Protein backbone atom coordinates (compact mmCIF):
# COMPACT_ATOMS: atom_id res chain seq x y z
CA MET A 1 22.69 -6.83 -8.64
CA LYS A 2 22.97 -5.67 -5.56
CA ILE A 3 19.39 -4.34 -4.29
CA ALA A 4 18.38 -2.37 -0.71
CA ILE A 5 14.83 -3.49 0.19
CA TYR A 6 12.69 -1.02 2.28
CA ALA A 7 9.77 -2.13 3.75
CA ASP A 8 7.73 -0.88 7.33
CA ARG A 9 6.05 -4.05 8.41
CA LEU A 10 6.28 -7.54 7.49
CA GLU A 11 4.39 -8.92 9.68
CA SER A 12 0.53 -9.23 8.76
CA GLY A 13 0.53 -11.42 5.76
CA GLY A 14 -1.04 -9.25 3.52
CA GLY A 15 -0.52 -8.80 0.05
CA LEU A 16 2.31 -6.08 0.43
CA GLU A 17 4.06 -8.51 2.82
CA THR A 18 3.95 -11.52 0.54
CA HIS A 19 4.51 -9.61 -1.96
CA VAL A 20 8.11 -8.67 -0.74
CA ILE A 21 8.66 -11.89 0.22
CA THR A 22 7.96 -13.90 -2.90
CA GLN A 23 9.68 -10.94 -4.93
CA VAL A 24 13.00 -11.38 -2.58
CA ASN A 25 12.84 -14.84 -3.24
CA GLU A 26 12.75 -14.75 -7.19
CA LEU A 27 15.64 -12.22 -7.10
CA LEU A 28 17.87 -14.63 -5.33
CA GLN A 29 16.73 -17.37 -7.30
CA ARG A 30 18.08 -15.29 -10.62
CA GLY A 31 21.19 -14.57 -8.64
CA HIS A 32 21.01 -11.13 -7.21
CA GLN A 33 22.07 -10.16 -3.66
CA VAL A 34 19.30 -8.96 -1.38
CA PHE A 35 19.26 -6.52 1.20
CA LEU A 36 16.10 -6.27 3.18
CA SER A 37 15.33 -4.10 6.20
CA ALA A 38 11.69 -3.99 7.82
CA ASN A 39 10.77 -1.87 11.54
CA ALA A 40 9.82 -5.86 12.05
CA ILE A 41 9.16 -8.78 10.78
CA VAL A 42 7.74 -12.30 12.34
CA PRO A 43 9.88 -15.09 11.80
CA TYR A 44 7.97 -16.77 9.45
CA PHE A 45 8.64 -14.36 6.93
CA LEU A 46 12.14 -14.84 7.39
CA GLU A 47 11.75 -18.40 7.38
CA ALA A 48 10.37 -17.88 4.26
CA ILE A 49 12.79 -16.69 2.78
CA LYS A 50 15.03 -18.89 0.25
CA ASN A 51 19.03 -18.01 0.39
CA ASP A 52 21.87 -19.36 0.99
CA GLY A 53 23.54 -17.37 3.36
CA SER A 54 25.86 -15.41 1.10
CA ASN A 55 23.12 -13.72 -0.74
CA PHE A 56 20.72 -12.15 1.26
CA ILE A 57 20.84 -9.95 4.56
CA PHE A 58 18.04 -8.73 6.57
CA ALA A 59 18.04 -5.99 9.02
CA LEU A 60 15.83 -4.06 11.41
CA PHE A 61 15.76 -0.18 11.18
CA SER A 62 18.21 1.83 13.27
CA ASP A 63 18.55 5.11 13.57
CA ASP A 64 21.19 5.23 10.80
CA PRO A 65 19.89 3.48 7.42
CA LEU A 66 23.35 3.98 5.75
CA ASN A 67 25.29 2.32 9.02
CA ASP A 68 22.42 -0.49 8.40
CA LEU A 69 24.09 -1.49 4.93
CA ALA A 70 27.05 -2.19 7.18
CA GLU A 71 29.70 -3.62 3.56
CA PHE A 72 26.81 -4.16 1.12
CA LYS A 73 27.12 -1.76 -1.48
CA PRO A 74 23.73 -1.53 -3.40
CA ASP A 75 23.50 -0.88 -7.20
CA LEU A 76 19.63 0.37 -6.21
CA VAL A 77 17.13 0.86 -3.60
CA HIS A 78 13.54 -0.27 -3.77
CA ALA A 79 11.09 1.07 -1.54
CA HIS A 80 7.89 0.12 -0.73
CA PRO A 81 4.88 1.99 2.06
CA PHE A 82 4.89 3.17 4.12
CA SER A 83 7.99 5.46 6.42
CA ALA A 84 10.27 3.14 4.56
CA ILE A 85 9.56 5.07 1.19
CA PHE A 86 11.61 8.08 3.01
CA ARG A 87 14.23 5.64 4.38
CA GLY A 88 14.90 4.11 0.89
CA TYR A 89 14.74 7.85 -0.32
CA LYS A 90 17.58 8.85 2.11
CA VAL A 91 19.68 5.95 1.27
CA ALA A 92 19.50 6.27 -2.85
CA CYS A 93 19.92 10.10 -2.17
CA ASP A 94 23.28 9.77 0.19
CA LEU A 95 24.97 6.76 -2.32
CA ASN A 96 23.45 8.65 -5.59
CA ILE A 97 21.91 5.57 -7.00
CA PRO A 98 18.55 4.50 -8.84
CA LEU A 99 15.35 4.69 -6.68
CA PHE A 100 12.18 2.42 -7.64
CA ILE A 101 9.03 2.79 -5.20
CA THR A 102 6.01 0.67 -5.06
CA ILE A 103 2.41 1.62 -4.03
CA HIS A 104 0.41 -1.42 -3.08
CA GLY A 105 -2.92 0.26 -2.27
CA PRO A 106 -5.28 3.90 -2.91
CA TYR A 107 -2.77 6.05 -1.54
CA ASP A 108 -0.21 8.45 -2.65
CA PHE A 109 1.73 8.62 0.53
CA GLY A 110 5.33 9.12 -0.43
CA VAL A 111 4.77 10.54 -3.65
CA ASP A 112 2.31 13.10 -3.40
CA ARG A 113 2.57 17.20 -4.53
CA SER A 114 3.62 17.73 -0.86
CA PRO A 115 7.21 19.49 -0.89
CA THR A 116 8.38 16.11 0.87
CA GLY A 117 6.48 14.03 -1.40
CA TYR A 118 7.22 16.20 -4.60
CA LEU A 119 11.44 15.85 -4.08
CA VAL A 120 11.00 11.68 -3.58
CA ALA A 121 8.65 11.32 -6.85
CA SER A 122 11.51 13.56 -8.46
CA LYS A 123 14.08 11.07 -7.26
CA ALA A 124 12.30 8.08 -8.27
CA ASN A 125 12.99 6.40 -11.45
CA LYS A 126 10.20 4.64 -11.48
CA ILE A 127 7.11 4.94 -9.45
CA ILE A 128 5.25 1.11 -9.64
CA ALA A 129 1.65 0.49 -9.75
CA VAL A 130 0.37 -3.10 -8.69
CA ASP A 131 -2.98 -2.45 -10.40
CA ASP A 132 -4.88 -0.72 -13.31
CA THR A 133 -6.88 1.27 -10.21
CA ILE A 134 -3.49 2.65 -8.76
CA GLU A 135 -1.57 3.57 -11.73
CA SER A 136 -4.91 5.94 -12.25
CA MET A 137 -4.72 7.11 -9.44
CA LEU A 138 -1.26 8.02 -9.02
CA ARG A 139 -1.42 9.70 -12.68
CA ARG A 140 -3.85 12.15 -11.43
CA CYS A 141 -1.84 12.96 -7.82
CA VAL A 142 1.89 12.65 -8.75
CA ASP A 143 3.94 15.30 -11.06
CA PHE A 144 5.64 12.74 -13.09
CA PRO A 145 3.13 10.62 -14.81
CA GLU A 146 5.99 9.78 -17.11
CA LYS A 147 7.75 7.51 -14.42
CA ILE A 148 4.57 5.70 -13.39
CA VAL A 149 4.08 1.98 -14.66
CA THR A 150 2.30 -1.26 -13.80
CA VAL A 151 4.00 -4.19 -12.58
CA TYR A 152 0.82 -6.46 -11.16
CA ASN A 153 1.88 -8.56 -8.18
CA GLY A 154 3.38 -11.88 -8.97
CA ILE A 155 2.52 -15.37 -7.99
CA ASN A 156 4.71 -17.86 -7.55
CA ARG A 157 3.34 -20.84 -9.34
CA ASN A 158 5.86 -23.32 -7.98
CA ASP A 159 4.29 -22.55 -4.61
CA PHE A 160 0.63 -22.74 -5.54
CA TYR A 161 -0.55 -25.37 -8.01
CA PRO A 162 -3.19 -27.51 -8.82
CA ALA A 163 -2.83 -30.84 -6.58
CA SER A 164 -5.51 -33.51 -5.03
CA PRO A 165 -7.18 -32.66 -1.84
CA ASP A 166 -4.77 -33.74 1.16
CA LEU A 167 -6.70 -36.94 2.90
CA THR A 168 -4.34 -36.39 5.82
CA LEU A 169 -5.01 -32.81 6.21
CA MET A 170 -8.78 -33.34 6.06
CA LYS A 171 -9.07 -36.19 8.79
CA GLU A 172 -6.72 -33.64 11.07
CA LEU A 173 -9.37 -31.19 10.70
CA ASP A 174 -12.53 -33.23 10.22
CA VAL A 175 -13.82 -31.84 7.56
CA ASN A 176 -16.80 -33.82 6.46
CA ALA A 177 -15.86 -34.87 2.83
CA SER A 178 -19.31 -35.32 1.95
CA TRP A 179 -20.70 -31.72 2.45
CA ARG A 180 -19.20 -28.83 0.36
CA THR A 181 -16.07 -26.64 1.24
CA ILE A 182 -15.52 -22.68 1.57
CA VAL A 183 -12.30 -21.73 2.37
CA VAL A 184 -12.15 -18.29 3.43
CA VAL A 185 -8.79 -16.27 2.86
CA SER A 186 -9.16 -12.98 4.60
CA ARG A 187 -6.66 -10.74 6.64
CA LEU A 188 -9.36 -9.91 9.08
CA GLU A 189 -8.69 -6.01 9.06
CA ASP A 190 -8.71 -2.96 6.97
CA ASP A 191 -12.41 -3.54 6.17
CA LYS A 192 -11.91 -6.83 4.84
CA GLU A 193 -13.45 -8.32 8.09
CA LYS A 194 -16.94 -7.16 7.32
CA PRO A 195 -17.71 -9.62 4.08
CA VAL A 196 -16.62 -12.49 6.79
CA PHE A 197 -18.49 -11.14 9.40
CA GLN A 198 -21.57 -11.59 7.11
CA LEU A 199 -20.50 -14.52 5.77
CA MET A 200 -20.52 -15.95 9.34
CA ASP A 201 -23.85 -14.33 10.15
CA CYS A 202 -25.37 -16.26 6.71
CA ALA A 203 -23.62 -19.41 7.07
CA PRO A 204 -26.44 -21.78 9.23
CA LEU A 205 -28.70 -20.84 6.15
CA LEU A 206 -26.17 -21.61 3.67
CA ALA A 207 -25.13 -25.11 5.20
CA GLU A 208 -28.82 -25.59 5.66
CA ARG A 209 -29.68 -25.32 2.15
CA LEU A 210 -26.83 -27.16 0.74
CA GLY A 211 -27.39 -30.17 2.87
CA GLY A 212 -24.10 -29.53 4.51
CA LEU A 213 -21.27 -27.09 4.60
CA ASN A 214 -17.36 -27.03 5.95
CA LEU A 215 -16.42 -23.56 6.32
CA LEU A 216 -12.81 -22.92 6.66
CA ILE A 217 -11.61 -19.28 7.83
CA VAL A 218 -8.15 -18.56 7.41
CA GLY A 219 -6.63 -14.70 8.98
CA ASP A 220 -5.11 -13.21 12.10
CA GLY A 221 -5.70 -9.54 12.05
CA ALA A 222 -7.01 -7.25 14.37
CA TYR A 223 -10.94 -8.46 14.00
CA ARG A 224 -9.86 -12.46 14.33
CA ASP A 225 -11.37 -12.80 17.62
CA GLU A 226 -14.47 -10.97 16.69
CA VAL A 227 -15.14 -12.97 13.78
CA TRP A 228 -14.46 -16.16 15.62
CA GLU A 229 -17.09 -15.17 18.01
CA ARG A 230 -19.64 -13.91 15.44
CA ASN A 231 -22.64 -15.54 15.45
CA ARG A 232 -21.47 -18.37 17.59
CA ALA A 233 -24.33 -19.92 18.98
CA GLN A 234 -26.98 -20.09 15.64
CA ILE A 235 -23.39 -21.96 13.83
CA GLU A 236 -23.17 -24.31 17.27
CA ASN A 237 -26.84 -24.90 17.04
CA CYS A 238 -26.50 -25.81 13.28
CA SER A 239 -25.94 -29.46 12.14
CA ASN A 240 -24.79 -29.02 8.98
CA LEU A 241 -22.57 -26.58 9.62
CA ARG A 242 -19.03 -27.18 11.15
CA VAL A 243 -17.00 -23.76 11.29
CA PHE A 244 -13.08 -24.13 11.35
CA ARG A 245 -11.35 -21.44 12.78
CA LEU A 246 -7.92 -21.87 11.61
CA GLY A 247 -6.14 -18.17 12.52
CA ARG A 248 -2.74 -17.59 10.04
CA ARG A 249 -1.40 -21.22 8.43
CA THR A 250 1.52 -21.50 6.31
CA ASP A 251 -0.52 -24.72 4.52
CA ILE A 252 -2.17 -22.34 2.35
CA SER A 253 -1.88 -24.21 -0.62
CA LYS A 254 -3.35 -27.43 0.40
CA LEU A 255 -6.21 -25.90 2.16
CA HIS A 256 -7.05 -24.50 -1.36
CA HIS A 257 -7.06 -28.03 -2.66
CA ILE A 258 -9.56 -29.20 -0.22
CA ALA A 259 -11.87 -26.23 -0.81
CA ASP A 260 -15.00 -26.32 -3.45
CA LEU A 261 -15.09 -22.67 -3.74
CA THR A 262 -12.16 -19.98 -1.97
CA ILE A 263 -13.48 -16.70 -0.84
CA ALA A 264 -10.56 -14.20 -0.94
CA CYS A 265 -9.04 -10.74 -2.89
CA GLY A 266 -6.07 -9.90 -4.10
CA ARG A 267 -3.00 -11.87 -3.67
CA ALA A 268 -4.98 -14.70 -1.46
CA ALA A 269 -7.61 -14.99 -4.72
CA LEU A 270 -4.83 -15.39 -6.76
CA GLU A 271 -2.91 -18.06 -4.87
CA ALA A 272 -6.28 -20.23 -4.75
CA MET A 273 -6.43 -19.46 -8.86
CA ALA A 274 -2.96 -21.14 -9.36
CA CYS A 275 -4.27 -23.59 -7.60
CA LYS A 276 -7.25 -24.37 -10.26
CA ARG A 277 -9.80 -23.04 -7.17
CA PRO A 278 -12.83 -21.51 -8.36
CA VAL A 279 -13.02 -18.28 -6.18
CA PHE A 280 -15.65 -16.05 -4.86
CA ALA A 281 -13.97 -12.37 -4.75
CA ALA A 282 -15.03 -10.22 -1.82
CA GLY A 283 -13.12 -7.62 0.17
CA SER A 284 -12.87 -3.99 2.00
CA LYS A 285 -15.64 -2.97 -0.79
CA GLY A 286 -17.89 -5.86 -0.74
CA PHE A 287 -18.54 -8.98 -3.12
CA ALA A 288 -17.97 -9.05 -6.97
CA GLY A 289 -19.08 -12.76 -6.90
CA ILE A 290 -17.25 -15.63 -8.96
CA ILE A 291 -13.91 -14.82 -11.05
CA THR A 292 -13.99 -15.44 -14.55
CA TYR A 293 -13.10 -13.21 -17.69
CA SER A 294 -15.74 -10.88 -17.39
CA ASN A 295 -14.73 -9.68 -14.01
CA ILE A 296 -11.11 -9.57 -14.29
CA SER A 297 -11.26 -5.74 -13.31
CA CYS A 298 -11.72 -7.04 -9.86
CA MET A 299 -8.07 -8.42 -9.77
CA THR A 300 -6.41 -5.84 -12.13
CA GLY A 301 -8.21 -3.17 -10.86
CA ARG A 302 -10.38 -3.57 -7.33
CA GLU A 303 -13.30 -2.79 -9.44
CA GLY A 304 -16.78 -4.42 -9.98
CA TYR A 305 -17.15 -5.11 -5.92
CA HIS A 306 -20.61 -4.08 -4.46
CA CYS A 307 -22.37 -3.86 -0.53
CA TRP A 308 -24.72 -7.13 -0.38
CA ASN A 309 -27.58 -7.31 2.04
CA ASP A 310 -27.86 -11.57 3.79
CA LEU A 311 -30.07 -12.48 1.11
CA GLU A 312 -27.95 -11.62 -2.26
CA LEU A 313 -25.22 -12.52 -0.77
CA LEU A 314 -26.67 -16.04 0.52
CA GLU A 315 -28.13 -16.47 -3.04
CA ASN A 316 -25.04 -15.46 -4.91
CA LEU A 317 -23.41 -18.21 -3.01
CA TYR A 318 -25.88 -20.91 -3.18
CA HIS A 319 -26.37 -20.52 -7.04
CA SER A 320 -22.60 -20.45 -7.64
CA LEU A 321 -22.06 -23.55 -5.82
CA ALA A 322 -24.80 -25.15 -7.34
CA ASP A 323 -23.49 -24.59 -10.92
CA GLU A 324 -20.66 -26.73 -12.34
CA MET A 325 -20.38 -25.70 -15.14
CA LEU A 326 -19.33 -21.98 -13.51
CA LEU A 327 -17.10 -23.52 -11.38
CA GLU A 328 -15.40 -25.40 -14.10
CA LYS A 329 -15.49 -22.12 -16.47
CA ALA A 330 -13.83 -20.21 -13.00
CA ILE A 331 -11.55 -23.07 -12.33
CA MET A 332 -9.69 -22.76 -16.21
CA GLU A 333 -10.32 -18.95 -16.79
CA GLY A 334 -8.77 -18.14 -13.10
CA TYR A 335 -5.79 -19.99 -13.98
CA LYS A 336 -5.20 -18.62 -17.60
CA LEU A 337 -5.41 -14.93 -15.88
CA VAL A 338 -2.84 -16.40 -13.23
CA GLU A 339 -0.93 -17.20 -15.87
CA LYS A 340 -1.23 -14.47 -18.18
CA TYR A 341 -1.10 -11.37 -15.58
CA PHE A 342 0.43 -12.50 -12.33
CA ASP A 343 3.46 -14.97 -12.69
CA ILE A 344 6.15 -13.67 -10.78
CA GLN A 345 9.05 -15.05 -13.01
CA LYS A 346 7.00 -12.92 -15.92
CA ASN A 347 6.76 -9.51 -13.46
CA THR A 348 9.96 -10.12 -12.40
CA ASP A 349 11.11 -10.16 -15.95
CA LYS A 350 9.96 -6.46 -16.33
CA VAL A 351 10.82 -5.44 -12.79
CA GLU A 352 14.67 -6.49 -13.80
CA SER A 353 14.01 -4.80 -17.13
CA LEU A 354 13.06 -1.58 -15.20
CA TYR A 355 16.25 -2.08 -13.17
CA ARG A 356 18.93 -2.84 -15.61
CA GLU A 357 17.19 0.45 -18.01
CA ALA A 358 17.94 2.70 -14.67
CA LEU A 359 21.77 1.48 -14.30
CA GLU A 360 22.75 1.69 -18.00
CA ASP A 361 21.17 5.39 -18.24
CA ARG A 362 23.53 6.49 -15.23
């Protein structure tokens, strides 16, 4: 198949951006041809696309989306938020080909009951939700509920897998191997910076109780500099605490491998779980604690998050790290959850099936 994929901005390293790149790579791996178009993209994402030079084309948005395609004749269009949905809609209408839309967050932009949203939803063959909560929301907001289907974000388990800690990396970072290590992965914007601020406030006390803590912060969003400066004086005066302000990294899996605990949500949490690391869920709505079967809804439906005060956060983190049985349970159950629900190969099977069904029905 020849697939045209549209997304607004592939820059921040959030769940939407990494999902698009992972999906493109899996489609290319299966022999499909992909045209990807966006309003902006960072070099890192282009470099991450595994193509042989003949099966992939990238083009920045211009004033004429049909002209962007040049000689590429797509069989179908797959659009992602936000304005790219309308761009994909225009191409699908002009070429009279199937349209797929993936909604990544709790919004109905582009497919709602407004005059424009109605037209887009009417044209779409399927409107894909990436989790159960988004599906439920869309069923209340879209006039074509029969078109809505959930396909969870998928992780490439060839890129994220269990491995021993990289001792060279630990030495390079100057991580104290005798201390506990927490790795935080956050886009540091869209309110996801808030739990990281709180963690920085609690870090000195947590380090004292643990007898030593390496805290690695990975992320590069709008609040990065404010996170970096948060509670700096107390952090620097704590002899049992080392905070590593790492920014954006391309070696995320290696950082997970050195973690006793990863703090993350969404796709970053899935990547850590695929690496067989215990994950403590933290996102824009607060904290959901250690991820096991008992609170899988924090991954499949963004549920179970709570705002904690500093003492509650401190106690939950301390007892989670002190409970070896709980950590082992989180490792085993988290890995199985990724295997069952969030494997990119299984989820691309579902997407391919939807594509073929639409093409056969034409």
